[in-house]
Each structure stands twice: as C-alpha cells, then as structure tokens.
N, C-alpha and C. Protein backbone atom coordinates (compact mmCIF):
# COMPACT_ATOMS: atom_id res chain seq x y z
N MET A 1 0.85 -1.19 0.00
CA MET A 1 0.00 0.00 0.00
C MET A 1 0.89 1.23 0.00
N VAL A 2 0.57 2.20 -0.87
CA VAL A 2 1.32 3.43 -0.95
C VAL A 2 0.46 4.58 -0.46
N THR A 3 0.94 5.32 0.51
CA THR A 3 0.25 6.51 1.00
C THR A 3 0.88 7.73 0.36
N LEU A 4 0.10 8.48 -0.42
CA LEU A 4 0.64 9.61 -1.15
C LEU A 4 0.54 10.89 -0.32
N CYS A 5 1.57 11.67 -0.37
CA CYS A 5 1.55 12.99 0.26
C CYS A 5 2.44 13.90 -0.58
N LEU A 6 1.83 14.74 -1.40
CA LEU A 6 2.59 15.60 -2.29
C LEU A 6 2.85 16.97 -1.69
N ARG A 7 2.31 17.24 -0.52
CA ARG A 7 2.59 18.51 0.14
C ARG A 7 2.20 18.37 1.60
N ILE A 8 2.56 19.34 2.39
CA ILE A 8 2.23 19.30 3.81
C ILE A 8 0.75 19.64 4.01
N GLY A 9 0.25 19.36 5.19
CA GLY A 9 -1.11 19.78 5.53
C GLY A 9 -1.12 21.26 5.83
N ASP A 10 -1.84 22.02 5.03
CA ASP A 10 -1.72 23.47 5.13
C ASP A 10 -2.40 24.05 6.35
N ALA A 11 -3.58 23.55 6.70
CA ALA A 11 -4.22 24.05 7.91
C ALA A 11 -3.38 23.70 9.13
N ARG A 12 -2.82 22.50 9.14
CA ARG A 12 -1.96 22.08 10.25
C ARG A 12 -0.74 22.99 10.37
N SER A 13 -0.20 23.37 9.22
CA SER A 13 0.95 24.27 9.23
C SER A 13 0.58 25.62 9.82
N GLY A 14 -0.58 26.14 9.46
CA GLY A 14 -1.02 27.41 10.02
C GLY A 14 -1.20 27.35 11.52
N LEU A 15 -1.72 26.24 12.00
CA LEU A 15 -1.88 26.08 13.45
C LEU A 15 -0.52 26.09 14.15
N ALA A 16 0.45 25.38 13.57
CA ALA A 16 1.78 25.34 14.18
C ALA A 16 2.45 26.71 14.13
N ALA A 17 2.32 27.40 13.01
CA ALA A 17 2.90 28.74 12.89
C ALA A 17 2.19 29.72 13.82
N GLY A 18 0.89 29.52 14.01
CA GLY A 18 0.15 30.37 14.95
C GLY A 18 0.68 30.24 16.36
N ALA A 19 1.07 29.03 16.74
CA ALA A 19 1.64 28.83 18.07
C ALA A 19 2.96 29.59 18.22
N ILE A 20 3.76 29.63 17.15
CA ILE A 20 5.00 30.40 17.19
C ILE A 20 4.68 31.88 17.39
N MET A 21 3.68 32.37 16.66
CA MET A 21 3.34 33.79 16.77
C MET A 21 2.80 34.13 18.15
N VAL A 22 1.98 33.27 18.71
CA VAL A 22 1.46 33.51 20.06
C VAL A 22 2.62 33.62 21.06
N GLU A 23 3.60 32.74 20.91
CA GLU A 23 4.77 32.79 21.79
C GLU A 23 5.49 34.14 21.66
N GLY A 24 5.71 34.57 20.43
CA GLY A 24 6.39 35.84 20.22
C GLY A 24 5.60 37.03 20.70
N LEU A 25 4.30 37.03 20.43
CA LEU A 25 3.45 38.14 20.87
C LEU A 25 3.38 38.22 22.39
N THR A 26 3.32 37.08 23.05
CA THR A 26 3.27 37.07 24.51
C THR A 26 4.51 37.76 25.10
N LYS A 27 5.66 37.48 24.50
CA LYS A 27 6.88 38.13 24.96
C LYS A 27 6.82 39.65 24.76
N ARG A 28 6.28 40.07 23.61
CA ARG A 28 6.23 41.51 23.35
C ARG A 28 5.26 42.22 24.29
N PHE A 29 4.11 41.59 24.55
CA PHE A 29 3.13 42.23 25.42
C PHE A 29 3.55 42.17 26.89
N ASP A 30 4.52 41.36 27.20
CA ASP A 30 5.10 41.37 28.55
C ASP A 30 6.23 42.38 28.67
N SER A 31 6.57 43.04 27.55
CA SER A 31 7.68 43.99 27.59
C SER A 31 7.29 45.29 26.89
N ASP A 32 7.80 45.53 25.69
CA ASP A 32 7.65 46.85 25.07
C ASP A 32 6.27 47.12 24.49
N TRP A 33 5.43 46.11 24.35
CA TRP A 33 4.09 46.34 23.80
C TRP A 33 3.00 46.42 24.86
N LYS A 34 3.33 46.53 26.11
CA LYS A 34 2.31 46.60 27.15
C LYS A 34 1.34 47.74 26.87
N GLY A 35 0.04 47.42 26.89
CA GLY A 35 -0.99 48.44 26.71
C GLY A 35 -1.30 48.80 25.27
N LYS A 36 -0.60 48.22 24.30
CA LYS A 36 -0.84 48.57 22.90
C LYS A 36 -2.06 47.84 22.35
N GLU A 37 -2.74 48.48 21.38
CA GLU A 37 -3.76 47.81 20.59
C GLU A 37 -3.06 46.88 19.61
N LEU A 38 -3.67 45.72 19.34
CA LEU A 38 -3.09 44.76 18.41
C LEU A 38 -4.00 44.58 17.20
N TYR A 39 -3.40 44.70 16.03
CA TYR A 39 -4.08 44.40 14.77
C TYR A 39 -3.42 43.17 14.16
N PHE A 40 -4.23 42.37 13.47
CA PHE A 40 -3.69 41.22 12.75
C PHE A 40 -3.99 41.38 11.27
N VAL A 41 -2.96 41.21 10.44
CA VAL A 41 -3.12 41.31 8.99
C VAL A 41 -2.79 39.96 8.37
N GLU A 42 -3.77 39.39 7.71
CA GLU A 42 -3.61 38.11 7.00
C GLU A 42 -3.35 38.42 5.53
N MET A 43 -2.12 38.19 5.11
CA MET A 43 -1.76 38.39 3.71
C MET A 43 -1.89 37.05 3.00
N THR A 44 -2.83 36.96 2.08
CA THR A 44 -3.16 35.68 1.49
C THR A 44 -3.49 35.84 0.02
N HIS A 45 -3.95 34.77 -0.59
CA HIS A 45 -4.33 34.78 -2.01
C HIS A 45 -5.50 33.81 -2.16
N SER A 46 -6.71 34.36 -2.27
CA SER A 46 -7.89 33.51 -2.30
C SER A 46 -8.01 32.68 -3.57
N GLY A 47 -7.19 32.98 -4.57
CA GLY A 47 -7.19 32.15 -5.77
C GLY A 47 -6.40 30.87 -5.60
N ILE A 48 -5.72 30.72 -4.47
CA ILE A 48 -4.93 29.52 -4.19
C ILE A 48 -5.51 28.91 -2.91
N ALA A 49 -6.20 27.80 -3.05
CA ALA A 49 -6.96 27.26 -1.90
C ALA A 49 -6.07 27.00 -0.69
N ILE A 50 -4.85 26.51 -0.90
CA ILE A 50 -4.00 26.21 0.24
C ILE A 50 -3.65 27.47 1.03
N CYS A 51 -3.65 28.61 0.36
CA CYS A 51 -3.32 29.85 1.07
C CYS A 51 -4.37 30.17 2.13
N LEU A 52 -5.62 30.03 1.77
CA LEU A 52 -6.68 30.33 2.74
C LEU A 52 -6.62 29.39 3.93
N ASP A 53 -6.30 28.12 3.69
CA ASP A 53 -6.14 27.17 4.80
C ASP A 53 -4.96 27.57 5.69
N ARG A 54 -3.87 27.91 5.05
CA ARG A 54 -2.62 28.16 5.76
C ARG A 54 -2.71 29.43 6.60
N THR A 55 -3.02 30.54 5.96
CA THR A 55 -3.06 31.81 6.69
C THR A 55 -4.28 31.90 7.60
N GLY A 56 -5.38 31.30 7.17
CA GLY A 56 -6.60 31.38 7.98
C GLY A 56 -6.48 30.65 9.29
N SER A 57 -5.83 29.49 9.29
CA SER A 57 -5.69 28.76 10.54
C SER A 57 -4.71 29.46 11.48
N LEU A 58 -3.66 30.07 10.92
CA LEU A 58 -2.77 30.87 11.77
C LEU A 58 -3.52 32.03 12.38
N ARG A 59 -4.27 32.73 11.56
CA ARG A 59 -5.08 33.86 12.05
C ARG A 59 -5.98 33.44 13.20
N ASP A 60 -6.66 32.32 13.04
CA ASP A 60 -7.63 31.90 14.06
C ASP A 60 -6.95 31.63 15.40
N VAL A 61 -5.75 31.05 15.36
CA VAL A 61 -5.02 30.78 16.60
C VAL A 61 -4.68 32.08 17.32
N VAL A 62 -4.18 33.05 16.57
CA VAL A 62 -3.74 34.31 17.18
C VAL A 62 -4.94 35.12 17.67
N VAL A 63 -5.98 35.18 16.86
CA VAL A 63 -7.18 35.94 17.24
C VAL A 63 -7.78 35.38 18.53
N ALA A 64 -7.84 34.06 18.63
CA ALA A 64 -8.40 33.44 19.83
C ALA A 64 -7.51 33.68 21.05
N ALA A 65 -6.20 33.60 20.86
CA ALA A 65 -5.28 33.73 21.99
C ALA A 65 -5.30 35.13 22.59
N PHE A 66 -5.51 36.14 21.74
CA PHE A 66 -5.43 37.52 22.22
C PHE A 66 -6.78 38.24 22.16
N ASP A 67 -7.83 37.48 21.84
CA ASP A 67 -9.19 38.04 21.80
C ASP A 67 -9.20 39.34 20.98
N ILE A 68 -8.67 39.27 19.78
CA ILE A 68 -8.56 40.45 18.93
C ILE A 68 -9.95 40.80 18.38
N PRO A 69 -10.39 42.04 18.50
CA PRO A 69 -11.70 42.42 17.99
C PRO A 69 -11.80 42.24 16.47
N GLU A 70 -13.01 42.00 16.01
CA GLU A 70 -13.22 41.73 14.59
C GLU A 70 -12.70 42.85 13.70
N ASP A 71 -12.89 44.11 14.14
CA ASP A 71 -12.46 45.23 13.30
C ASP A 71 -10.94 45.44 13.33
N HIS A 72 -10.23 44.65 14.12
CA HIS A 72 -8.78 44.68 14.15
C HIS A 72 -8.16 43.49 13.38
N VAL A 73 -9.01 42.68 12.78
CA VAL A 73 -8.55 41.52 12.02
C VAL A 73 -8.77 41.83 10.54
N LEU A 74 -7.68 41.98 9.80
CA LEU A 74 -7.71 42.49 8.44
C LEU A 74 -7.15 41.46 7.47
N GLN A 75 -7.67 41.49 6.26
CA GLN A 75 -7.16 40.59 5.22
C GLN A 75 -6.72 41.39 4.01
N ALA A 76 -5.53 41.08 3.53
CA ALA A 76 -5.00 41.68 2.30
C ALA A 76 -4.90 40.57 1.27
N ASP A 77 -5.87 40.50 0.38
CA ASP A 77 -6.00 39.40 -0.56
C ASP A 77 -5.39 39.76 -1.91
N GLY A 78 -4.29 39.12 -2.23
CA GLY A 78 -3.64 39.38 -3.50
C GLY A 78 -4.51 39.07 -4.69
N ALA A 79 -5.40 38.08 -4.56
CA ALA A 79 -6.27 37.71 -5.68
C ALA A 79 -7.28 38.80 -5.99
N ALA A 80 -7.56 39.65 -5.02
CA ALA A 80 -8.49 40.77 -5.21
C ALA A 80 -7.77 42.02 -5.69
N GLY A 81 -6.51 41.88 -6.00
CA GLY A 81 -5.74 43.02 -6.50
C GLY A 81 -5.18 43.92 -5.41
N VAL A 82 -5.20 43.46 -4.17
CA VAL A 82 -4.68 44.28 -3.07
C VAL A 82 -3.15 44.30 -3.14
N ASP A 83 -2.60 45.50 -3.11
CA ASP A 83 -1.14 45.66 -2.98
C ASP A 83 -0.83 45.48 -1.49
N GLN A 84 -0.27 44.35 -1.13
CA GLN A 84 -0.12 44.00 0.28
C GLN A 84 0.87 44.91 1.00
N THR A 85 1.88 45.36 0.29
CA THR A 85 2.83 46.29 0.90
C THR A 85 2.17 47.61 1.20
N ALA A 86 1.45 48.15 0.23
CA ALA A 86 0.74 49.42 0.42
C ALA A 86 -0.32 49.27 1.52
N PHE A 87 -0.97 48.12 1.57
CA PHE A 87 -2.00 47.89 2.58
C PHE A 87 -1.41 47.99 3.98
N LEU A 88 -0.29 47.31 4.21
CA LEU A 88 0.32 47.36 5.54
C LEU A 88 0.77 48.77 5.88
N LEU A 89 1.39 49.44 4.93
CA LEU A 89 1.84 50.81 5.20
C LEU A 89 0.66 51.73 5.51
N ASP A 90 -0.43 51.56 4.80
CA ASP A 90 -1.62 52.38 5.06
C ASP A 90 -2.16 52.13 6.47
N GLN A 91 -2.19 50.87 6.88
CA GLN A 91 -2.68 50.55 8.22
C GLN A 91 -1.76 51.10 9.31
N LEU A 92 -0.48 51.02 9.07
CA LEU A 92 0.47 51.58 10.03
C LEU A 92 0.30 53.09 10.16
N THR A 93 0.04 53.73 9.04
CA THR A 93 -0.18 55.19 9.06
C THR A 93 -1.48 55.53 9.78
N ALA A 94 -2.52 54.72 9.53
CA ALA A 94 -3.82 54.99 10.15
C ALA A 94 -3.81 54.72 11.65
N HIS A 95 -2.90 53.86 12.12
CA HIS A 95 -2.87 53.48 13.53
C HIS A 95 -1.43 53.62 14.05
N PRO A 96 -0.99 54.85 14.25
CA PRO A 96 0.43 55.09 14.55
C PRO A 96 0.90 54.55 15.90
N ASP A 97 -0.03 54.28 16.81
CA ASP A 97 0.37 53.80 18.14
C ASP A 97 0.08 52.31 18.35
N ALA A 98 -0.38 51.63 17.29
CA ALA A 98 -0.79 50.23 17.43
C ALA A 98 0.37 49.29 17.09
N ALA A 99 0.19 48.02 17.49
CA ALA A 99 1.10 46.95 17.13
C ALA A 99 0.43 46.08 16.08
N PHE A 100 1.24 45.51 15.19
CA PHE A 100 0.71 44.72 14.08
C PHE A 100 1.41 43.36 14.02
N ALA A 101 0.58 42.31 14.04
CA ALA A 101 1.05 40.96 13.76
C ALA A 101 0.59 40.59 12.36
N PHE A 102 1.45 39.92 11.61
CA PHE A 102 1.02 39.55 10.26
C PHE A 102 1.80 38.35 9.74
N THR A 103 1.20 37.72 8.75
CA THR A 103 1.81 36.58 8.08
C THR A 103 1.42 36.61 6.62
N GLY A 104 2.07 35.76 5.84
CA GLY A 104 1.72 35.60 4.44
C GLY A 104 1.65 34.12 4.10
N CYS A 105 1.06 33.82 2.96
CA CYS A 105 0.91 32.43 2.56
C CYS A 105 2.26 31.75 2.35
N TRP A 106 3.24 32.53 1.95
CA TRP A 106 4.62 32.04 1.89
C TRP A 106 5.52 33.17 2.37
N ASP A 107 6.79 32.86 2.57
CA ASP A 107 7.69 33.83 3.19
C ASP A 107 7.68 35.18 2.50
N GLY A 108 7.93 35.17 1.19
CA GLY A 108 8.09 36.43 0.46
C GLY A 108 6.87 37.32 0.50
N MET A 109 5.69 36.73 0.61
CA MET A 109 4.46 37.53 0.63
C MET A 109 4.45 38.46 1.83
N ALA A 110 5.03 38.03 2.94
CA ALA A 110 5.07 38.88 4.14
C ALA A 110 6.36 39.68 4.24
N ILE A 111 7.45 39.14 3.71
CA ILE A 111 8.75 39.80 3.88
C ILE A 111 8.82 41.12 3.12
N ALA A 112 8.27 41.17 1.93
CA ALA A 112 8.30 42.43 1.17
C ALA A 112 7.58 43.56 1.92
N PRO A 113 6.36 43.35 2.41
CA PRO A 113 5.72 44.40 3.23
C PRO A 113 6.51 44.72 4.49
N TYR A 114 7.09 43.70 5.12
CA TYR A 114 7.91 43.93 6.31
C TYR A 114 9.05 44.88 6.00
N ASN A 115 9.75 44.64 4.92
CA ASN A 115 10.90 45.48 4.57
C ASN A 115 10.46 46.92 4.32
N ALA A 116 9.31 47.09 3.68
CA ALA A 116 8.81 48.44 3.42
C ALA A 116 8.45 49.15 4.73
N ALA A 117 7.82 48.42 5.64
CA ALA A 117 7.46 49.01 6.94
C ALA A 117 8.71 49.35 7.74
N LYS A 118 9.74 48.52 7.63
CA LYS A 118 11.00 48.80 8.30
C LYS A 118 11.61 50.10 7.75
N GLU A 119 11.58 50.24 6.42
CA GLU A 119 12.10 51.46 5.79
C GLU A 119 11.33 52.69 6.26
N ALA A 120 10.04 52.49 6.57
CA ALA A 120 9.21 53.59 7.04
C ALA A 120 9.40 53.88 8.53
N GLY A 121 10.28 53.13 9.18
CA GLY A 121 10.57 53.39 10.58
C GLY A 121 9.63 52.75 11.57
N ARG A 122 8.87 51.71 11.15
CA ARG A 122 7.88 51.10 12.04
C ARG A 122 8.24 49.68 12.45
N GLU A 123 9.50 49.30 12.33
CA GLU A 123 9.89 47.94 12.65
C GLU A 123 9.54 47.55 14.08
N ALA A 124 9.63 48.48 15.01
CA ALA A 124 9.36 48.18 16.41
C ALA A 124 7.90 47.83 16.66
N ASP A 125 7.03 48.13 15.71
CA ASP A 125 5.60 47.87 15.87
C ASP A 125 5.15 46.61 15.15
N LEU A 126 6.09 45.79 14.68
CA LEU A 126 5.76 44.63 13.85
C LEU A 126 6.08 43.32 14.56
N MET A 127 5.24 42.31 14.26
CA MET A 127 5.53 40.93 14.65
C MET A 127 5.18 40.06 13.46
N MET A 128 6.20 39.57 12.78
CA MET A 128 5.99 38.73 11.59
C MET A 128 6.42 37.31 11.89
N VAL A 129 5.57 36.37 11.50
CA VAL A 129 5.90 34.95 11.47
C VAL A 129 5.55 34.46 10.08
N THR A 130 6.46 33.73 9.45
CA THR A 130 6.21 33.26 8.09
C THR A 130 6.16 31.74 8.06
N MET A 131 5.83 31.23 6.88
CA MET A 131 5.73 29.78 6.67
C MET A 131 6.49 29.42 5.41
N GLY A 132 7.42 28.50 5.55
CA GLY A 132 8.27 28.10 4.45
C GLY A 132 9.67 27.89 4.95
N GLY A 133 10.38 28.98 5.18
CA GLY A 133 11.68 28.90 5.81
C GLY A 133 12.79 28.31 4.97
N ASP A 134 12.92 28.78 3.73
CA ASP A 134 14.08 28.36 2.96
C ASP A 134 15.26 29.28 3.28
N GLN A 135 16.28 29.30 2.45
CA GLN A 135 17.51 29.97 2.85
C GLN A 135 17.36 31.49 2.96
N THR A 136 16.57 32.10 2.10
CA THR A 136 16.45 33.57 2.14
C THR A 136 15.88 34.07 3.47
N PRO A 137 14.73 33.57 3.93
CA PRO A 137 14.26 34.01 5.26
C PRO A 137 15.17 33.55 6.40
N ALA A 138 15.84 32.43 6.21
CA ALA A 138 16.78 31.98 7.25
C ALA A 138 17.91 32.99 7.41
N GLU A 139 18.41 33.49 6.30
CA GLU A 139 19.46 34.52 6.37
C GLU A 139 18.94 35.79 7.03
N MET A 140 17.71 36.14 6.70
CA MET A 140 17.11 37.34 7.29
C MET A 140 16.95 37.17 8.80
N LEU A 141 16.42 36.02 9.22
CA LEU A 141 16.18 35.78 10.64
C LEU A 141 17.50 35.72 11.41
N TYR A 142 18.53 35.17 10.79
CA TYR A 142 19.84 35.06 11.42
C TYR A 142 20.35 36.43 11.88
N CYS A 143 20.02 37.46 11.11
CA CYS A 143 20.50 38.81 11.43
C CYS A 143 19.62 39.53 12.44
N LYS A 144 18.64 38.83 13.02
CA LYS A 144 17.84 39.28 14.15
C LYS A 144 17.10 40.61 13.91
N PRO A 145 16.32 40.71 12.83
CA PRO A 145 15.50 41.91 12.67
C PRO A 145 14.46 41.99 13.79
N GLN A 146 14.19 43.18 14.23
CA GLN A 146 13.38 43.38 15.44
C GLN A 146 11.99 42.77 15.35
N GLY A 147 11.37 42.86 14.19
CA GLY A 147 9.98 42.44 14.08
C GLY A 147 9.74 41.09 13.44
N PHE A 148 10.81 40.31 13.17
CA PHE A 148 10.67 38.99 12.55
C PHE A 148 10.97 37.96 13.63
N TYR A 149 9.92 37.35 14.18
CA TYR A 149 10.12 36.45 15.30
C TYR A 149 10.61 35.07 14.86
N GLY A 150 10.06 34.56 13.77
CA GLY A 150 10.47 33.24 13.33
C GLY A 150 9.59 32.70 12.23
N TYR A 151 9.82 31.44 11.88
CA TYR A 151 9.02 30.82 10.82
C TYR A 151 8.82 29.34 11.13
N LEU A 152 7.75 28.82 10.54
CA LEU A 152 7.56 27.38 10.52
C LEU A 152 8.32 26.86 9.31
N GLU A 153 9.27 25.97 9.57
CA GLU A 153 10.14 25.50 8.50
C GLU A 153 9.56 24.26 7.85
N PHE A 154 9.16 24.39 6.59
CA PHE A 154 8.87 23.19 5.82
C PHE A 154 9.57 23.22 4.46
N GLN A 155 10.53 24.08 4.33
CA GLN A 155 11.47 24.05 3.23
C GLN A 155 12.84 23.87 3.86
N PRO A 156 13.82 23.31 3.19
CA PRO A 156 13.74 22.84 1.81
C PRO A 156 13.26 21.40 1.66
N PHE A 157 12.74 20.79 2.74
CA PHE A 157 12.42 19.36 2.68
C PHE A 157 10.92 19.09 2.56
N CYS A 158 10.16 20.07 2.10
CA CYS A 158 8.71 19.86 2.03
C CYS A 158 8.30 19.38 0.65
N GLU A 159 7.72 20.30 -0.14
CA GLU A 159 7.16 19.87 -1.42
C GLU A 159 8.17 19.14 -2.30
N GLY A 160 9.34 19.75 -2.55
CA GLY A 160 10.28 19.14 -3.48
C GLY A 160 10.75 17.77 -3.05
N TRP A 161 11.26 17.66 -1.83
CA TRP A 161 11.77 16.38 -1.38
C TRP A 161 10.65 15.38 -1.18
N SER A 162 9.50 15.85 -0.76
CA SER A 162 8.36 14.96 -0.56
C SER A 162 7.95 14.29 -1.87
N TRP A 163 8.00 15.05 -2.95
CA TRP A 163 7.66 14.46 -4.25
C TRP A 163 8.66 13.35 -4.61
N VAL A 164 9.94 13.59 -4.34
CA VAL A 164 10.96 12.58 -4.64
C VAL A 164 10.71 11.32 -3.83
N GLU A 165 10.47 11.49 -2.55
CA GLU A 165 10.22 10.33 -1.69
C GLU A 165 8.97 9.57 -2.14
N THR A 166 7.93 10.31 -2.53
CA THR A 166 6.71 9.68 -2.98
C THR A 166 6.94 8.88 -4.25
N ALA A 167 7.66 9.47 -5.19
CA ALA A 167 7.94 8.78 -6.44
C ALA A 167 8.73 7.49 -6.19
N LEU A 168 9.71 7.56 -5.30
CA LEU A 168 10.50 6.37 -4.98
C LEU A 168 9.64 5.31 -4.30
N ALA A 169 8.73 5.75 -3.44
CA ALA A 169 7.85 4.80 -2.76
C ALA A 169 6.95 4.08 -3.76
N ILE A 170 6.42 4.84 -4.70
CA ILE A 170 5.57 4.22 -5.73
C ILE A 170 6.37 3.21 -6.54
N LEU A 171 7.58 3.59 -6.93
CA LEU A 171 8.44 2.73 -7.74
C LEU A 171 8.77 1.44 -7.01
N GLU A 172 9.02 1.57 -5.69
CA GLU A 172 9.45 0.40 -4.91
C GLU A 172 8.29 -0.34 -4.27
N GLY A 173 7.07 0.20 -4.39
CA GLY A 173 5.92 -0.45 -3.76
C GLY A 173 5.92 -0.33 -2.26
N GLU A 174 6.53 0.73 -1.76
CA GLU A 174 6.63 0.93 -0.32
C GLU A 174 5.60 1.93 0.17
N ARG A 175 5.28 1.83 1.46
CA ARG A 175 4.37 2.79 2.07
C ARG A 175 5.12 4.10 2.31
N PHE A 176 4.46 5.21 2.01
CA PHE A 176 5.09 6.52 2.18
C PHE A 176 4.44 7.24 3.34
N VAL A 177 5.24 7.66 4.30
CA VAL A 177 4.72 8.37 5.46
C VAL A 177 4.67 9.86 5.16
N PRO A 178 3.53 10.52 5.34
CA PRO A 178 3.43 11.95 5.03
C PRO A 178 4.44 12.78 5.79
N TYR A 179 4.91 13.81 5.14
CA TYR A 179 5.85 14.74 5.76
C TYR A 179 5.20 15.44 6.94
N GLN A 180 5.92 15.58 8.01
CA GLN A 180 5.44 16.30 9.18
C GLN A 180 6.33 17.54 9.39
N THR A 181 5.70 18.66 9.63
CA THR A 181 6.49 19.85 9.96
C THR A 181 7.21 19.61 11.28
N ARG A 182 8.52 19.85 11.29
CA ARG A 182 9.33 19.48 12.44
C ARG A 182 9.95 20.66 13.17
N PHE A 183 10.18 21.74 12.47
CA PHE A 183 11.01 22.79 13.03
C PHE A 183 10.27 24.11 13.13
N ALA A 184 10.13 24.59 14.34
CA ALA A 184 9.67 25.95 14.60
C ALA A 184 10.93 26.76 14.86
N THR A 185 11.35 27.52 13.87
CA THR A 185 12.63 28.20 13.94
C THR A 185 12.43 29.65 14.33
N THR A 186 12.99 30.04 15.46
CA THR A 186 12.90 31.40 15.95
C THR A 186 14.30 31.99 16.08
N GLN A 187 14.35 33.26 16.46
CA GLN A 187 15.65 33.90 16.64
C GLN A 187 16.49 33.20 17.70
N ASP A 188 15.84 32.54 18.64
CA ASP A 188 16.57 31.88 19.72
C ASP A 188 17.43 30.71 19.23
N ILE A 189 17.03 30.09 18.12
CA ILE A 189 17.76 28.89 17.67
C ILE A 189 18.29 29.01 16.25
N ILE A 190 18.13 30.16 15.62
CA ILE A 190 18.47 30.27 14.21
C ILE A 190 19.96 30.03 13.93
N GLU A 191 20.84 30.44 14.82
CA GLU A 191 22.27 30.24 14.55
C GLU A 191 22.60 28.76 14.37
N GLU A 192 22.16 27.94 15.31
CA GLU A 192 22.43 26.51 15.24
C GLU A 192 21.76 25.89 14.01
N ARG A 193 20.50 26.25 13.78
CA ARG A 193 19.76 25.64 12.67
C ARG A 193 20.34 26.07 11.32
N PHE A 194 20.77 27.30 11.22
CA PHE A 194 21.32 27.78 9.95
C PHE A 194 22.58 27.01 9.59
N VAL A 195 23.45 26.80 10.57
CA VAL A 195 24.69 26.06 10.30
C VAL A 195 24.38 24.61 9.92
N GLN A 196 23.36 24.02 10.55
CA GLN A 196 22.97 22.65 10.20
C GLN A 196 22.57 22.55 8.73
N LEU A 197 21.86 23.54 8.24
CA LEU A 197 21.32 23.48 6.89
C LEU A 197 22.27 24.02 5.83
N TYR A 198 22.95 25.13 6.15
CA TYR A 198 23.63 25.87 5.10
C TYR A 198 25.12 26.09 5.34
N GLY A 199 25.61 25.78 6.53
CA GLY A 199 27.02 25.96 6.77
C GLY A 199 27.34 27.36 7.25
N ASP A 200 28.22 28.05 6.57
CA ASP A 200 28.69 29.36 7.01
C ASP A 200 27.54 30.35 7.15
N PRO A 201 27.52 31.12 8.23
CA PRO A 201 26.44 32.09 8.46
C PRO A 201 26.53 33.26 7.48
N PRO A 202 25.42 33.95 7.27
CA PRO A 202 25.43 35.11 6.37
C PRO A 202 26.12 36.30 7.02
N ALA A 203 26.49 37.24 6.21
CA ALA A 203 27.04 38.50 6.72
C ALA A 203 25.88 39.43 7.07
N CYS A 204 25.89 39.96 8.27
CA CYS A 204 24.82 40.86 8.72
C CYS A 204 25.38 42.28 8.79
N GLU A 205 24.54 43.25 8.44
CA GLU A 205 24.99 44.65 8.50
C GLU A 205 25.10 45.11 9.94
C-alpha cells in the first residue's frame, strides 16, 4: 500500500505557525508592547486554496489567543488586487500607536511588506511569522531583525523532497509516510539551525 503525500497539511501548518506567533506576541506584550492595541493582517491569495487554509488557521489561533476584535482583524487578498505592501503601510499610518502581527501564505508575501514598513521606521511595531523557511528568510532571521520572530520551517524538505520520496515509494511499492512539519525556527535557535542546513552564516549589516 502506498500513502501519497505531495505537500504538507496546510491548515496544520497554520496552526503550528500560529503557536510560534502567540509565543512571540506574549513576549512583546510582557515587555515593550504593554498596553498597545493589536491588529492582525492576514496576507493571502484567495485564488490559491491552500493559502486560505494556511493563513486562515494561523489567524484563528492568534485571534483566539489575544481576543482580537473583529475590526482589528484584516485581510489583504492578492487575488483581489490588493497591494499588500501598500496595505500594511496604510494601516500603520492609520494606527500610529498600534502593534501589528502579520503573516503571508509564503515567506516572500510577508517579507516584502515587512521590509517596506522597516524602511518607514515602524519595525518596532511589527511581529511577523512566516511559513516556508528556505535559505532567504533563514538569512534574514539570522540577522535578528526586530519584528521577525520566526518561521515554521517546511522548506527545503517539504514539497520538493516529498515528491521525490513519494515517487520512490511508488516505484518500490513501499508505504510513504506523510511529511510532518518538524522545526519551529525562531531567533533563539536560528544560529544553530542555519549552520545545520547551510554551513557558514550570512554577513549581517
């Protein structure tokens, strides 16, 4: 019997990434974010079904943990033509004293808006957790940006390697065990994890 798994469980990934974000937010509200209003921005793409599962389940975990009011829970849908970078900047401008937690369906969807907000001088008001965790966000996290807490790592061993393992299992008539997300990578452990995966650390400014 062959069990096929061509990708990770997306809702499950969002739940795991949501737990990372709750951990990071709890630390911030115990320190520099005491008394701040919290907004959550879900950067997603409704034209890709897995995106809604992934970002939506993360959103639900965070909203429940911090009892975020409905009007503080925002969605920036790329499929609807929303410029997600402009959306985040507009919200930061509209709420200059608030804190913002946000994620994207994949790393780059959230990182580009993050970088723009950092350029605008609002990095201290951000809490970003991403999903994917290939080398580019790993290098970014290694350099300890203030508002990037961590990511759920399912790259580089998720979709690509999973397909290889599945194909080999089919060829050999073996049972294939679905990939499980294993690593919640935060700033606390990024140095060790980066060396495990990529060797020499990146140069940080």
